């Protein structure tokens, strides 16, 4: 993708930055907080890569616990959809759905937060109508501590 990835310590308290994307001297860089759990880093990285692929006209995107401006909602939703497609393989999802009936156990088995699974299921639902997403994810779901269970 032509995006450099950097993992940097940024703190692990509630207001810490989780990651951001920037362009510096024409070099695209996705920075992820190295103090987060591996699962969280993986999701944040996929989300930041999305900004690098989809939103290069915007110079910087950050993820932390501060409020989002309404005009960023579309870009955040787009980045979440990209991350869902990037991290959840269709075949793996179909196989997991055959052996798990509970939405949260499917998310856990696929090693993604339930909100990301929700975005993936919404995509599949729009594609062919076979799947029904629970519609629980909001664009700002990464504001919560995704290393903790939702339910």
Protein backbone atom coordinates (compact mmCIF):
# COMPACT_ATOMS: atom_id res chain seq x y z
CA UNK A 1 0.00 0.00 0.00
CA UNK A 2 3.02 2.25 0.20
CA UNK A 3 2.34 3.15 3.82
CA UNK A 4 5.04 3.02 6.47
CA UNK A 5 3.90 1.59 9.81
CA UNK A 6 5.34 2.83 13.06
CA UNK A 7 4.52 1.59 16.54
CA UNK A 8 5.18 4.18 19.23
CA UNK A 9 4.35 4.30 22.96
CA UNK A 10 1.57 6.85 23.51
CA UNK A 11 0.29 5.89 26.94
CA UNK A 12 -2.35 3.48 28.12
CA UNK A 13 -4.71 5.71 30.10
CA UNK A 14 -8.25 6.51 28.98
CA UNK A 15 -7.29 9.64 27.00
CA UNK A 16 -4.29 8.19 25.22
CA UNK A 17 -4.04 8.38 21.46
CA UNK A 18 -4.58 4.96 19.88
CA UNK A 19 -3.21 5.77 16.46
CA UNK A 20 -3.11 8.23 13.62
CA UNK A 21 -2.28 8.60 9.97
CA UNK A 22 -0.17 11.38 8.52
CA UNK A 23 1.72 12.38 5.42
CA UNK A 24 5.18 13.80 6.05
CA UNK A 25 7.45 14.77 3.17
CA UNK A 26 5.18 12.82 0.78
CA UNK A 27 5.63 9.69 2.91
CA UNK A 28 2.44 8.05 4.20
CA UNK A 29 2.76 6.90 7.81
CA UNK A 30 0.34 4.96 10.00
CA UNK A 31 1.29 5.24 13.67
CA UNK A 32 -0.14 2.84 16.25
CA UNK A 33 0.15 3.06 20.02
CA UNK A 34 2.51 0.20 20.95
CA UNK A 35 1.18 0.12 24.52
CA UNK A 36 -2.19 -1.23 23.42
CA UNK A 37 -3.02 -4.94 23.39
CA UNK A 38 -2.12 -6.76 20.16
CA UNK A 39 -5.78 -7.19 19.13
CA UNK A 40 -6.40 -3.47 19.54
CA UNK A 41 -3.21 -2.56 17.64
CA UNK A 42 -4.28 -4.84 14.78
CA UNK A 43 -7.70 -3.14 14.47
CA UNK A 44 -6.29 0.38 14.84
CA UNK A 45 -3.64 -0.37 12.19
CA UNK A 46 -6.25 -1.61 9.70
CA UNK A 47 -8.32 1.50 10.38
CA UNK A 48 -5.34 3.84 9.92
CA UNK A 49 -4.30 2.05 6.71
CA UNK A 50 -7.80 2.81 5.44
CA UNK A 51 -7.20 6.51 6.00
CA UNK A 52 -3.95 6.16 4.05
CA UNK A 53 -5.71 4.51 1.14
CA UNK A 54 -9.02 6.39 1.14
CA UNK A 55 -8.36 9.78 2.69
CA UNK A 56 -4.97 11.00 1.54
CA UNK A 57 -6.33 14.49 0.99
CA UNK A 58 -6.60 14.87 4.77
CA UNK A 59 -3.18 15.23 6.35
CA UNK A 60 -3.78 13.70 9.78
CA UNK A 61 -6.30 11.42 11.45
CA UNK A 62 -6.14 10.50 15.12
CA UNK A 63 -7.87 8.00 17.36
CA UNK A 64 -8.23 8.85 20.99
CA UNK A 65 -10.99 9.34 23.50
CA UNK A 66 -11.88 12.92 22.50
CA UNK A 67 -15.14 13.80 20.78
CA UNK A 68 -15.38 13.56 17.01
CA UNK A 69 -16.59 16.33 14.78
CA UNK A 70 -19.69 15.40 12.80
CA UNK A 71 -18.01 15.92 9.42
CA UNK A 72 -15.49 13.20 10.25
CA UNK A 73 -18.19 10.58 10.77
CA UNK A 74 -18.26 9.58 7.09
CA UNK A 75 -14.49 9.06 6.94
CA UNK A 76 -14.50 7.09 10.17
CA UNK A 77 -17.31 4.87 8.92
CA UNK A 78 -15.45 4.34 5.64
CA UNK A 79 -12.27 3.43 7.53
CA UNK A 80 -14.22 0.95 9.69
CA UNK A 81 -15.71 -0.69 6.61
CA UNK A 82 -12.24 -0.97 5.07
CA UNK A 83 -10.88 -2.47 8.32
CA UNK A 84 -13.75 -4.99 8.42
CA UNK A 85 -13.04 -6.10 4.85
CA UNK A 86 -9.28 -6.15 5.53
CA UNK A 87 -9.44 -8.16 8.76
CA UNK A 88 -12.40 -10.52 8.24
CA UNK A 89 -11.98 -12.95 5.37
CA UNK A 90 -15.29 -14.03 3.83
CA UNK A 91 -14.40 -17.74 3.88
CA UNK A 92 -13.27 -17.61 7.51
CA UNK A 93 -16.48 -15.81 8.41
CA UNK A 94 -18.69 -18.36 6.61
CA UNK A 95 -16.85 -21.25 8.28
CA UNK A 96 -17.16 -19.63 11.71
CA UNK A 97 -20.85 -18.88 11.23
CA UNK A 98 -21.46 -22.60 10.62
CA UNK A 99 -19.96 -23.56 13.96
CA UNK A 100 -21.11 -20.59 16.10
CA UNK A 101 -24.59 -19.19 16.35
CA UNK A 102 -23.97 -16.41 18.86
CA UNK A 103 -22.85 -13.11 17.30
CA UNK A 104 -20.36 -12.34 20.09
CA UNK A 105 -18.76 -15.80 19.95
CA UNK A 106 -18.32 -15.39 16.17
CA UNK A 107 -16.52 -12.08 16.76
CA UNK A 108 -14.36 -13.64 19.45
CA UNK A 109 -13.50 -16.63 17.26
CA UNK A 110 -12.50 -14.30 14.41
CA UNK A 111 -10.43 -12.21 16.86
CA UNK A 112 -12.22 -8.94 16.05
CA UNK A 113 -14.38 -6.64 18.15
CA UNK A 114 -18.12 -7.24 17.69
CA UNK A 115 -18.55 -3.81 16.12
CA UNK A 116 -16.14 -4.71 13.32
CA UNK A 117 -18.02 -7.96 12.71
CA UNK A 118 -21.20 -5.89 12.54
CA UNK A 119 -19.68 -3.70 9.80
CA UNK A 120 -18.65 -6.84 7.88
CA UNK A 121 -22.11 -8.39 8.17
CA UNK A 122 -23.71 -5.15 6.98
CA UNK A 123 -21.52 -5.31 3.87
CA UNK A 124 -22.52 -8.90 3.20
CA UNK A 125 -26.17 -8.06 3.83
CA UNK A 126 -26.04 -5.31 1.21
CA UNK A 127 -24.19 -7.57 -1.23
CA UNK A 128 -26.54 -10.53 -1.25
CA UNK A 129 -29.13 -10.18 1.50
CA UNK A 130 -28.31 -13.56 3.10
CA UNK A 131 -26.94 -12.11 6.31
CA UNK A 132 -28.60 -10.01 8.92
CA UNK A 133 -26.40 -7.65 10.89
CA UNK A 134 -27.47 -6.68 14.41
CA UNK A 135 -26.77 -3.00 13.65
CA UNK A 136 -24.98 -2.23 16.87
CA UNK A 137 -21.82 -0.52 15.63
CA UNK A 138 -21.39 3.23 15.46
CA UNK A 139 -18.59 4.91 13.53
CA UNK A 140 -16.89 5.98 16.75
CA UNK A 141 -16.73 2.49 18.33
CA UNK A 142 -12.93 2.67 18.58
CA UNK A 143 -13.37 5.29 21.29
CA UNK A 144 -14.25 2.48 23.70
CA UNK A 145 -11.72 0.00 25.06
CA UNK A 146 -12.14 -2.72 22.42
CA UNK A 147 -9.93 -5.08 24.40
CA UNK A 148 -12.89 -5.44 26.81
CA UNK A 149 -16.01 -7.45 25.85
CA UNK A 150 -18.99 -5.43 24.69
CA UNK A 151 -21.52 -7.58 26.53
